[in-house]
Amino acid sequence: MSQSGERKARQESASSLALSYPLSFGGYPMSVTLSSLGLDRLPRAERLEIVQALWDSIAADSGPPLLTDAQRIELERRADEDDADPDNVVAWEDVQARIQARLRP
């Protein structure tokens, strides 16, 4: 599929994206989509402002990060691994030097 075809598919998918909570109007369930809210018809700059406002509201939420069970298990495994061998570390200066060496032409 061409890049423009992929972009159109993503846009169509995003336009029909229903929010994950049920809404109703007059007792009848209704799906809320980007199209039904008219967001897909806003100019790009306004859509970006909405995205930024949503992102800012998420960042301001002081709740714990949302992790999947797999992510939580992996984090616990890594923490346990670190606790079992706390001396198995790499100095930050060494990490920086390796990264810089990779980036050099």
PDB file of N, CA and C in Angstrom:
ATOM      1  N   MET A   1       0.851  -1.178   0.000  1.00  0.00           N
ATOM      2  CA  MET A   1       0.000   0.000   0.000  1.00  0.00           C
ATOM      3  C   MET A   1       0.892   1.235   0.000  1.00  0.00           C
ATOM      4  N   SER A   2       0.526   2.238  -0.759  1.00  0.00           N
ATOM      5  CA  SER A   2       1.312   3.460  -0.843  1.00  0.00           C
ATOM      6  C   SER A   2       1.190   4.251   0.456  1.00  0.00           C
ATOM      7  N   GLN A   3       2.105   5.229   0.628  1.00  0.00           N
ATOM      8  CA  GLN A   3       2.052   6.057   1.837  1.00  0.00           C
ATOM      9  C   GLN A   3       0.738   6.809   1.932  1.00  0.00           C
ATOM     10  N   SER A   4       0.255   7.345   0.804  1.00  0.00           N
ATOM     11  CA  SER A   4      -1.008   8.079   0.844  1.00  0.00           C
ATOM     12  C   SER A   4      -2.171   7.137   1.160  1.00  0.00           C
ATOM     13  N   GLY A   5      -2.099   5.896   0.658  1.00  0.00           N
ATOM     14  CA  GLY A   5      -3.126   4.910   0.973  1.00  0.00           C
ATOM     15  C   GLY A   5      -3.113   4.535   2.446  1.00  0.00           C
ATOM     16  N   GLU A   6      -1.909   4.376   3.004  1.00  0.00           N
ATOM     17  CA  GLU A   6      -1.793   4.072   4.430  1.00  0.00           C
ATOM     18  C   GLU A   6      -2.328   5.229   5.266  1.00  0.00           C
ATOM     19  N   ARG A   7      -1.985   6.462   4.864  1.00  0.00           N
ATOM     20  CA  ARG A   7      -2.447   7.650   5.589  1.00  0.00           C
ATOM     21  C   ARG A   7      -3.974   7.718   5.568  1.00  0.00           C
ATOM     22  N   LYS A   8      -4.576   7.466   4.403  1.00  0.00           N
ATOM     23  CA  LYS A   8      -6.029   7.507   4.296  1.00  0.00           C
ATOM     24  C   LYS A   8      -6.666   6.432   5.169  1.00  0.00           C
ATOM     25  N   ALA A   9      -6.071   5.246   5.200  1.00  0.00           N
ATOM     26  CA  ALA A   9      -6.603   4.164   6.035  1.00  0.00           C
ATOM     27  C   ALA A   9      -6.546   4.539   7.508  1.00  0.00           C
ATOM     28  N   ARG A  10      -5.421   5.172   7.928  1.00  0.00           N
ATOM     29  CA  ARG A  10      -5.301   5.615   9.322  1.00  0.00           C
ATOM     30  C   ARG A  10      -6.342   6.685   9.634  1.00  0.00           C
ATOM     31  N   GLN A  11      -6.550   7.613   8.696  1.00  0.00           N
ATOM     32  CA  GLN A  11      -7.530   8.667   8.912  1.00  0.00           C
ATOM     33  C   GLN A  11      -8.936   8.099   9.022  1.00  0.00           C
ATOM     34  N   GLU A  12      -9.272   7.156   8.145  1.00  0.00           N
ATOM     35  CA  GLU A  12     -10.591   6.541   8.205  1.00  0.00           C
ATOM     36  C   GLU A  12     -10.770   5.774   9.504  1.00  0.00           C
ATOM     37  N   SER A  13      -9.722   5.086   9.927  1.00  0.00           N
ATOM     38  CA  SER A  13      -9.769   4.349  11.179  1.00  0.00           C
ATOM     39  C   SER A  13      -9.958   5.308  12.343  1.00  0.00           C
ATOM     40  N   ALA A  14      -9.210   6.414  12.352  1.00  0.00           N
ATOM     41  CA  ALA A  14      -9.319   7.391  13.426  1.00  0.00           C
ATOM     42  C   ALA A  14     -10.687   8.057  13.413  1.00  0.00           C
ATOM     43  N   SER A  15     -11.232   8.326  12.237  1.00  0.00           N
ATOM     44  CA  SER A  15     -12.530   8.982  12.142  1.00  0.00           C
ATOM     45  C   SER A  15     -13.641   8.120  12.719  1.00  0.00           C
ATOM     46  N   SER A  16     -13.492   6.819  12.614  1.00  0.00           N
ATOM     47  CA  SER A  16     -14.544   5.933  13.104  1.00  0.00           C
ATOM     48  C   SER A  16     -14.244   5.406  14.497  1.00  0.00           C
ATOM     49  N   LEU A  17     -13.162   5.872  15.102  1.00  0.00           N
ATOM     50  CA  LEU A  17     -12.776   5.409  16.426  1.00  0.00           C
ATOM     51  C   LEU A  17     -13.835   5.788  17.448  1.00  0.00           C
ATOM     52  N   ALA A  18     -14.445   4.815  18.060  1.00  0.00           N
ATOM     53  CA  ALA A  18     -15.444   5.082  19.092  1.00  0.00           C
ATOM     54  C   ALA A  18     -14.751   5.184  20.438  1.00  0.00           C
ATOM     55  N   LEU A  19     -15.218   6.111  21.257  1.00  0.00           N
ATOM     56  CA  LEU A  19     -14.662   6.232  22.590  1.00  0.00           C
ATOM     57  C   LEU A  19     -15.056   5.010  23.392  1.00  0.00           C
ATOM     58  N   SER A  20     -14.275   4.702  24.426  1.00  0.00           N
ATOM     59  CA  SER A  20     -14.444   3.432  25.106  1.00  0.00           C
ATOM     60  C   SER A  20     -15.494   3.457  26.214  1.00  0.00           C
ATOM     61  N   TYR A  21     -16.226   4.532  26.363  1.00  0.00           N
ATOM     62  CA  TYR A  21     -17.273   4.533  27.369  1.00  0.00           C
ATOM     63  C   TYR A  21     -18.623   4.713  26.679  1.00  0.00           C
ATOM     64  N   PRO A  22     -19.651   4.055  27.206  1.00  0.00           N
ATOM     65  CA  PRO A  22     -20.951   4.136  26.540  1.00  0.00           C
ATOM     66  C   PRO A  22     -21.637   5.467  26.831  1.00  0.00           C
ATOM     67  N   LEU A  23     -22.261   6.024  25.824  1.00  0.00           N
ATOM     68  CA  LEU A  23     -23.067   7.227  25.972  1.00  0.00           C
ATOM     69  C   LEU A  23     -24.470   6.903  25.492  1.00  0.00           C
ATOM     70  N   SER A  24     -25.427   7.655  25.981  1.00  0.00           N
ATOM     71  CA  SER A  24     -26.780   7.446  25.488  1.00  0.00           C
ATOM     72  C   SER A  24     -27.461   8.791  25.329  1.00  0.00           C
ATOM     73  N   PHE A  25     -28.451   8.800  24.478  1.00  0.00           N
ATOM     74  CA  PHE A  25     -29.244   9.990  24.243  1.00  0.00           C
ATOM     75  C   PHE A  25     -30.689   9.535  24.235  1.00  0.00           C
ATOM     76  N   GLY A  26     -31.451  10.007  25.204  1.00  0.00           N
ATOM     77  CA  GLY A  26     -32.852   9.599  25.287  1.00  0.00           C
ATOM     78  C   GLY A  26     -33.006   8.112  25.540  1.00  0.00           C
ATOM     79  N   GLY A  27     -32.041   7.520  26.224  1.00  0.00           N
ATOM     80  CA  GLY A  27     -32.099   6.103  26.525  1.00  0.00           C
ATOM     81  C   GLY A  27     -31.570   5.201  25.435  1.00  0.00           C
ATOM     82  N   TYR A  28     -31.205   5.791  24.288  1.00  0.00           N
ATOM     83  CA  TYR A  28     -30.666   4.997  23.177  1.00  0.00           C
ATOM     84  C   TYR A  28     -29.141   5.104  23.187  1.00  0.00           C
ATOM     85  N   PRO A  29     -28.450   3.968  23.089  1.00  0.00           N
ATOM     86  CA  PRO A  29     -26.979   4.037  23.071  1.00  0.00           C
ATOM     87  C   PRO A  29     -26.496   4.740  21.814  1.00  0.00           C
ATOM     88  N   MET A  30     -25.420   5.489  21.968  1.00  0.00           N
ATOM     89  CA  MET A  30     -24.842   6.139  20.800  1.00  0.00           C
ATOM     90  C   MET A  30     -23.331   6.044  20.879  1.00  0.00           C
ATOM     91  N   SER A  31     -22.716   5.865  19.726  1.00  0.00           N
ATOM     92  CA  SER A  31     -21.268   5.809  19.643  1.00  0.00           C
ATOM     93  C   SER A  31     -20.749   7.211  19.388  1.00  0.00           C
ATOM     94  N   VAL A  32     -19.698   7.567  20.100  1.00  0.00           N
ATOM     95  CA  VAL A  32     -19.061   8.859  19.884  1.00  0.00           C
ATOM     96  C   VAL A  32     -17.810   8.609  19.061  1.00  0.00           C
ATOM     97  N   THR A  33     -17.745   9.239  17.909  1.00  0.00           N
ATOM     98  CA  THR A  33     -16.588   9.098  17.036  1.00  0.00           C
ATOM     99  C   THR A  33     -16.055  10.481  16.702  1.00  0.00           C
ATOM    100  N   LEU A  34     -14.875  10.517  16.115  1.00  0.00           N
ATOM    101  CA  LEU A  34     -14.329  11.796  15.667  1.00  0.00           C
ATOM    102  C   LEU A  34     -15.289  12.455  14.685  1.00  0.00           C
ATOM    103  N   SER A  35     -15.866  11.658  13.811  1.00  0.00           N
ATOM    104  CA  SER A  35     -16.811  12.181  12.823  1.00  0.00           C
ATOM    105  C   SER A  35     -18.075  12.716  13.487  1.00  0.00           C
ATOM    106  N   SER A  36     -18.611  11.946  14.439  1.00  0.00           N
ATOM    107  CA  SER A  36     -19.868  12.379  15.066  1.00  0.00           C
ATOM    108  C   SER A  36     -19.672  13.656  15.870  1.00  0.00           C
ATOM    109  N   LEU A  37     -18.480  13.884  16.360  1.00  0.00           N
ATOM    110  CA  LEU A  37     -18.177  15.118  17.082  1.00  0.00           C
ATOM    111  C   LEU A  37     -17.739  16.241  16.145  1.00  0.00           C
ATOM    112  N   GLY A  38     -17.512  15.908  14.895  1.00  0.00           N
ATOM    113  CA  GLY A  38     -17.079  16.904  13.920  1.00  0.00           C
ATOM    114  C   GLY A  38     -15.605  17.227  13.995  1.00  0.00           C
ATOM    115  N   LEU A  39     -14.862  16.466  14.779  1.00  0.00           N
ATOM    116  CA  LEU A  39     -13.433  16.754  14.953  1.00  0.00           C
ATOM    117  C   LEU A  39     -12.641  16.533  13.679  1.00  0.00           C
ATOM    118  N   ASP A  40     -13.093  15.601  12.856  1.00  0.00           N
ATOM    119  CA  ASP A  40     -12.375  15.320  11.610  1.00  0.00           C
ATOM    120  C   ASP A  40     -12.514  16.447  10.594  1.00  0.00           C
ATOM    121  N   ARG A  41     -13.448  17.359  10.824  1.00  0.00           N
ATOM    122  CA  ARG A  41     -13.653  18.475   9.894  1.00  0.00           C
ATOM    123  C   ARG A  41     -12.967  19.762  10.349  1.00  0.00           C
ATOM    124  N   LEU A  42     -12.386  19.745  11.527  1.00  0.00           N
ATOM    125  CA  LEU A  42     -11.681  20.932  12.017  1.00  0.00           C
ATOM    126  C   LEU A  42     -10.365  21.107  11.275  1.00  0.00           C
ATOM    127  N   PRO A  43      -9.909  22.345  11.170  1.00  0.00           N
ATOM    128  CA  PRO A  43      -8.582  22.561  10.580  1.00  0.00           C
ATOM    129  C   PRO A  43      -7.513  21.853  11.414  1.00  0.00           C
ATOM    130  N   ARG A  44      -6.437  21.498  10.757  1.00  0.00           N
ATOM    131  CA  ARG A  44      -5.353  20.750  11.417  1.00  0.00           C
ATOM    132  C   ARG A  44      -4.882  21.451  12.682  1.00  0.00           C
ATOM    133  N   ALA A  45      -4.705  22.770  12.626  1.00  0.00           N
ATOM    134  CA  ALA A  45      -4.208  23.511  13.788  1.00  0.00           C
ATOM    135  C   ALA A  45      -5.145  23.353  14.987  1.00  0.00           C
ATOM    136  N   GLU A  46      -6.446  23.387  14.739  1.00  0.00           N
ATOM    137  CA  GLU A  46      -7.401  23.232  15.838  1.00  0.00           C
ATOM    138  C   GLU A  46      -7.390  21.809  16.391  1.00  0.00           C
ATOM    139  N   ARG A  47      -7.257  20.824  15.503  1.00  0.00           N
ATOM    140  CA  ARG A  47      -7.170  19.425  15.969  1.00  0.00           C
ATOM    141  C   ARG A  47      -5.929  19.250  16.830  1.00  0.00           C
ATOM    142  N   LEU A  48      -4.808  19.874  16.428  1.00  0.00           N
ATOM    143  CA  LEU A  48      -3.586  19.782  17.221  1.00  0.00           C
ATOM    144  C   LEU A  48      -3.753  20.451  18.585  1.00  0.00           C
ATOM    145  N   GLU A  49      -4.483  21.556  18.623  1.00  0.00           N
ATOM    146  CA  GLU A  49      -4.754  22.213  19.911  1.00  0.00           C
ATOM    147  C   GLU A  49      -5.550  21.293  20.824  1.00  0.00           C
ATOM    148  N   ILE A  50      -6.527  20.582  20.261  1.00  0.00           N
ATOM    149  CA  ILE A  50      -7.329  19.650  21.050  1.00  0.00           C
ATOM    150  C   ILE A  50      -6.464  18.503  21.555  1.00  0.00           C
ATOM    151  N   VAL A  51      -5.612  17.982  20.677  1.00  0.00           N
ATOM    152  CA  VAL A  51      -4.707  16.906  21.083  1.00  0.00           C
ATOM    153  C   VAL A  51      -3.815  17.385  22.222  1.00  0.00           C
ATOM    154  N   GLN A  52      -3.273  18.590  22.098  1.00  0.00           N
ATOM    155  CA  GLN A  52      -2.399  19.132  23.147  1.00  0.00           C
ATOM    156  C   GLN A  52      -3.164  19.296  24.458  1.00  0.00           C
ATOM    157  N   ALA A  53      -4.393  19.791  24.380  1.00  0.00           N
ATOM    158  CA  ALA A  53      -5.197  19.956  25.586  1.00  0.00           C
ATOM    159  C   ALA A  53      -5.486  18.607  26.234  1.00  0.00           C
ATOM    160  N   LEU A  54      -5.792  17.599  25.416  1.00  0.00           N
ATOM    161  CA  LEU A  54      -6.017  16.255  25.967  1.00  0.00           C
ATOM    162  C   LEU A  54      -4.747  15.714  26.608  1.00  0.00           C
ATOM    163  N   TRP A  55      -3.621  15.884  25.910  1.00  0.00           N
ATOM    164  CA  TRP A  55      -2.350  15.387  26.441  1.00  0.00           C
ATOM    165  C   TRP A  55      -2.016  16.083  27.757  1.00  0.00           C
ATOM    166  N   ASP A  56      -2.218  17.410  27.813  1.00  0.00           N
ATOM    167  CA  ASP A  56      -1.956  18.156  29.045  1.00  0.00           C
ATOM    168  C   ASP A  56      -2.838  17.664  30.180  1.00  0.00           C
ATOM    169  N   SER A  57      -4.098  17.326  29.877  1.00  0.00           N
ATOM    170  CA  SER A  57      -4.988  16.835  30.926  1.00  0.00           C
ATOM    171  C   SER A  57      -4.556  15.459  31.420  1.00  0.00           C
ATOM    172  N   ILE A  58      -4.017  14.650  30.522  1.00  0.00           N
ATOM    173  CA  ILE A  58      -3.504  13.335  30.928  1.00  0.00           C
ATOM    174  C   ILE A  58      -2.260  13.506  31.787  1.00  0.00           C
ATOM    175  N   ALA A  59      -1.359  14.397  31.370  1.00  0.00           N
ATOM    176  CA  ALA A  59      -0.123  14.634  32.119  1.00  0.00           C
ATOM    177  C   ALA A  59      -0.410  15.205  33.501  1.00  0.00           C
ATOM    178  N   ALA A  60      -1.476  16.002  33.624  1.00  0.00           N
ATOM    179  CA  ALA A  60      -1.806  16.614  34.907  1.00  0.00           C
ATOM    180  C   ALA A  60      -2.450  15.625  35.870  1.00  0.00           C
ATOM    181  N   ASP A  61      -2.929  14.508  35.345  1.00  0.00           N
ATOM    182  CA  ASP A  61      -3.553  13.492  36.185  1.00  0.00           C
ATOM    183  C   ASP A  61      -2.491  12.888  37.084  1.00  0.00           C
ATOM    184  N   SER A  62      -2.705  12.965  38.379  1.00  0.00           N
ATOM    185  CA  SER A  62      -1.680  12.498  39.312  1.00  0.00           C
ATOM    186  C   SER A  62      -1.806  11.019  39.642  1.00  0.00           C
ATOM    187  N   GLY A  63      -2.654  10.321  38.934  1.00  0.00           N
ATOM    188  CA  GLY A  63      -2.822   8.900  39.187  1.00  0.00           C
ATOM    189  C   GLY A  63      -1.605   8.099  38.765  1.00  0.00           C
ATOM    190  N   PRO A  64      -1.559   6.848  39.180  1.00  0.00           N
ATOM    191  CA  PRO A  64      -0.428   5.999  38.794  1.00  0.00           C
ATOM    192  C   PRO A  64      -0.438   5.749  37.294  1.00  0.00           C
ATOM    193  N   PRO A  65       0.728   5.431  36.744  1.00  0.00           N
ATOM    194  CA  PRO A  65       0.767   5.142  35.310  1.00  0.00           C
ATOM    195  C   PRO A  65      -0.059   3.900  35.005  1.00  0.00           C
ATOM    196  N   LEU A  66      -0.653   3.886  33.832  1.00  0.00           N
ATOM    197  CA  LEU A  66      -1.455   2.743  33.431  1.00  0.00           C
ATOM    198  C   LEU A  66      -0.548   1.722  32.757  1.00  0.00           C
ATOM    199  N   LEU A  67      -0.408   0.583  33.378  1.00  0.00           N
ATOM    200  CA  LEU A  67       0.431  -0.480  32.847  1.00  0.00           C
ATOM    201  C   LEU A  67      -0.419  -1.710  32.576  1.00  0.00           C
ATOM    202  N   THR A  68      -0.035  -2.432  31.552  1.00  0.00           N
ATOM    203  CA  THR A  68      -0.679  -3.722  31.324  1.00  0.00           C
ATOM    204  C   THR A  68      -0.101  -4.695  32.344  1.00  0.00           C
ATOM    205  N   ASP A  69      -0.745  -5.828  32.515  1.00  0.00           N
ATOM    206  CA  ASP A  69      -0.214  -6.843  33.426  1.00  0.00           C
ATOM    207  C   ASP A  69       1.180  -7.278  32.989  1.00  0.00           C
ATOM    208  N   ALA A  70       1.366  -7.425  31.668  1.00  0.00           N
ATOM    209  CA  ALA A  70       2.673  -7.851  31.149  1.00  0.00           C
ATOM    210  C   ALA A  70       3.751  -6.814  31.470  1.00  0.00           C
ATOM    211  N   GLN A  71       3.419  -5.532  31.337  1.00  0.00           N
ATOM    212  CA  GLN A  71       4.393  -4.482  31.647  1.00  0.00           C
ATOM    213  C   GLN A  71       4.736  -4.473  33.139  1.00  0.00           C
ATOM    214  N   ARG A  72       3.705  -4.604  33.983  1.00  0.00           N
ATOM    215  CA  ARG A  72       3.930  -4.627  35.430  1.00  0.00           C
ATOM    216  C   ARG A  72       4.810  -5.813  35.819  1.00  0.00           C
ATOM    217  N   ILE A  73       4.529  -6.982  35.259  1.00  0.00           N
ATOM    218  CA  ILE A  73       5.319  -8.182  35.554  1.00  0.00           C
ATOM    219  C   ILE A  73       6.766  -7.982  35.117  1.00  0.00           C
ATOM    220  N   GLU A  74       6.979  -7.405  33.917  1.00  0.00           N
ATOM    221  CA  GLU A  74       8.336  -7.164  33.427  1.00  0.00           C
ATOM    222  C   GLU A  74       9.077  -6.172  34.317  1.00  0.00           C
ATOM    223  N   LEU A  75       8.400  -5.118  34.750  1.00  0.00           N
ATOM    224  CA  LEU A  75       9.041  -4.154  35.646  1.00  0.00           C
ATOM    225  C   LEU A  75       9.429  -4.802  36.972  1.00  0.00           C
ATOM    226  N   GLU A  76       8.546  -5.632  37.499  1.00  0.00           N
ATOM    227  CA  GLU A  76       8.849  -6.341  38.743  1.00  0.00           C
ATOM    228  C   GLU A  76      10.032  -7.291  38.546  1.00  0.00           C
ATOM    229  N   ARG A  77      10.063  -7.985  37.407  1.00  0.00           N
ATOM    230  CA  ARG A  77      11.168  -8.899  37.124  1.00  0.00           C
ATOM    231  C   ARG A  77      12.489  -8.146  37.072  1.00  0.00           C
ATOM    232  N   ARG A  78      12.494  -7.006  36.394  1.00  0.00           N
ATOM    233  CA  ARG A  78      13.721  -6.217  36.288  1.00  0.00           C
ATOM    234  C   ARG A  78      14.154  -5.663  37.638  1.00  0.00           C
ATOM    235  N   ALA A  79      13.196  -5.222  38.451  1.00  0.00           N
ATOM    236  CA  ALA A  79      13.524  -4.716  39.785  1.00  0.00           C
ATOM    237  C   ALA A  79      14.108  -5.838  40.650  1.00  0.00           C
ATOM    238  N   ASP A  80      13.519  -7.027  40.563  1.00  0.00           N
ATOM    239  CA  ASP A  80      14.038  -8.175  41.313  1.00  0.00           C
ATOM    240  C   ASP A  80      15.449  -8.533  40.856  1.00  0.00           C
ATOM    241  N   GLU A  81      15.671  -8.490  39.540  1.00  0.00           N
ATOM    242  CA  GLU A  81      16.995  -8.777  38.979  1.00  0.00           C
ATOM    243  C   GLU A  81      18.022  -7.771  39.492  1.00  0.00           C
ATOM    244  N   ASP A  82      17.634  -6.513  39.529  1.00  0.00           N
ATOM    245  CA  ASP A  82      18.534  -5.470  40.023  1.00  0.00           C
ATOM    246  C   ASP A  82      18.808  -5.655  41.516  1.00  0.00           C
ATOM    247  N   ASP A  83      17.771  -5.973  42.271  1.00  0.00           N
ATOM    248  CA  ASP A  83      17.955  -6.197  43.713  1.00  0.00           C
ATOM    249  C   ASP A  83      18.875  -7.381  43.978  1.00  0.00           C
ATOM    250  N   ALA A  84      18.820  -8.409  43.126  1.00  0.00           N
ATOM    251  CA  ALA A  84      19.635  -9.612  43.312  1.00  0.00           C
ATOM    252  C   ALA A  84      21.109  -9.349  43.031  1.00  0.00           C
ATOM    253  N   ASP A  85      21.429  -8.376  42.185  1.00  0.00           N
ATOM    254  CA  ASP A  85      22.825  -8.097  41.820  1.00  0.00           C
ATOM    255  C   ASP A  85      23.023  -6.588  41.663  1.00  0.00           C
ATOM    256  N   PRO A  86      22.986  -5.835  42.775  1.00  0.00           N
ATOM    257  CA  PRO A  86      23.055  -4.377  42.696  1.00  0.00           C
ATOM    258  C   PRO A  86      24.382  -3.837  42.169  1.00  0.00           C
ATOM    259  N   ASP A  87      25.429  -4.662  42.164  1.00  0.00           N
ATOM    260  CA  ASP A  87      26.726  -4.193  41.679  1.00  0.00           C
ATOM    261  C   ASP A  87      26.887  -4.354  40.177  1.00  0.00           C
ATOM    262  N   ASN A  88      25.932  -4.995  39.515  1.00  0.00           N
ATOM    263  CA  ASN A  88      25.983  -5.194  38.069  1.00  0.00           C
ATOM    264  C   ASN A  88      25.389  -3.958  37.388  1.00  0.00           C
ATOM    265  N   VAL A  89      26.208  -2.911  37.294  1.00  0.00           N
ATOM    266  CA  VAL A  89      25.748  -1.643  36.727  1.00  0.00           C
ATOM    267  C   VAL A  89      26.761  -1.137  35.711  1.00  0.00           C
ATOM    268  N   VAL A  90      26.334  -0.183  34.894  1.00  0.00           N
ATOM    269  CA  VAL A  90      27.209   0.475  33.936  1.00  0.00           C
ATOM    270  C   VAL A  90      27.169   1.962  34.263  1.00  0.00           C
ATOM    271  N   ALA A  91      28.333   2.566  34.403  1.00  0.00           N
ATOM    272  CA  ALA A  91      28.403   3.992  34.725  1.00  0.00           C
ATOM    273  C   ALA A  91      27.763   4.811  33.603  1.00  0.00           C
ATOM    274  N   TRP A  92      27.086   5.892  33.978  1.00  0.00           N
ATOM    275  CA  TRP A  92      26.422   6.751  33.012  1.00  0.00           C
ATOM    276  C   TRP A  92      27.411   7.276  31.972  1.00  0.00           C
ATOM    277  N   GLU A  93      28.608   7.593  32.392  1.00  0.00           N
ATOM    278  CA  GLU A  93      29.620   8.092  31.465  1.00  0.00           C
ATOM    279  C   GLU A  93      29.933   7.055  30.394  1.00  0.00           C
ATOM    280  N   ASP A  94      29.957   5.768  30.781  1.00  0.00           N
ATOM    281  CA  ASP A  94      30.206   4.698  29.813  1.00  0.00           C
ATOM    282  C   ASP A  94      29.048   4.560  28.819  1.00  0.00           C
ATOM    283  N   VAL A  95      27.834   4.702  29.319  1.00  0.00           N
ATOM    284  CA  VAL A  95      26.661   4.635  28.453  1.00  0.00           C
ATOM    285  C   VAL A  95      26.709   5.773  27.436  1.00  0.00           C
ATOM    286  N   GLN A  96      26.984   6.986  27.905  1.00  0.00           N
ATOM    287  CA  GLN A  96      27.074   8.138  27.010  1.00  0.00           C
ATOM    288  C   GLN A  96      28.163   7.931  25.958  1.00  0.00           C
ATOM    289  N   ALA A  97      29.326   7.433  26.384  1.00  0.00           N
ATOM    290  CA  ALA A  97      30.435   7.232  25.446  1.00  0.00           C
ATOM    291  C   ALA A  97      30.060   6.214  24.367  1.00  0.00           C
ATOM    292  N   ARG A  98      29.371   5.135  24.747  1.00  0.00           N
ATOM    293  CA  ARG A  98      28.947   4.134  23.755  1.00  0.00           C
ATOM    294  C   ARG A  98      27.950   4.717  22.755  1.00  0.00           C
ATOM    295  N   ILE A  99      27.022   5.505  23.249  1.00  0.00           N
ATOM    296  CA  ILE A  99      26.033   6.124  22.360  1.00  0.00           C
ATOM    297  C   ILE A  99      26.714   7.083  21.405  1.00  0.00           C
ATOM    298  N   GLN A 100      27.592   7.917  21.933  1.00  0.00           N
ATOM    299  CA  GLN A 100      28.288   8.872  21.087  1.00  0.00           C
ATOM    300  C   GLN A 100      29.142   8.179  20.043  1.00  0.00           C
ATOM    301  N   ALA A 101      29.764   7.066  20.418  1.00  0.00           N
ATOM    302  CA  ALA A 101      30.574   6.316  19.468  1.00  0.00           C
ATOM    303  C   ALA A 101      29.730   5.757  18.325  1.00  0.00           C
ATOM    304  N   ARG A 102      28.499   5.323  18.647  1.00  0.00           N
ATOM    305  CA  ARG A 102      27.602   4.805  17.606  1.00  0.00           C
ATOM    306  C   ARG A 102      27.141   5.906  16.659  1.00  0.00           C
ATOM    307  N   LEU A 103      27.010   7.101  17.176  1.00  0.00           N
ATOM    308  CA  LEU A 103      26.495   8.206  16.365  1.00  0.00           C
ATOM    309  C   LEU A 103      27.556   8.858  15.490  1.00  0.00           C
ATOM    310  N   ARG A 104      28.800   8.584  15.777  1.00  0.00           N
ATOM    311  CA  ARG A 104      29.863   9.177  14.952  1.00  0.00           C
ATOM    312  C   ARG A 104      29.883   8.501  13.575  1.00  0.00           C
ATOM    313  N   PRO A 105      30.096   9.324  12.520  1.00  0.00           N
ATOM    314  CA  PRO A 105      30.150   8.732  11.163  1.00  0.00           C
ATOM    315  C   PRO A 105      31.387   7.892  10.939  1.00  0.00           C
TER     316      PRO A 105
END
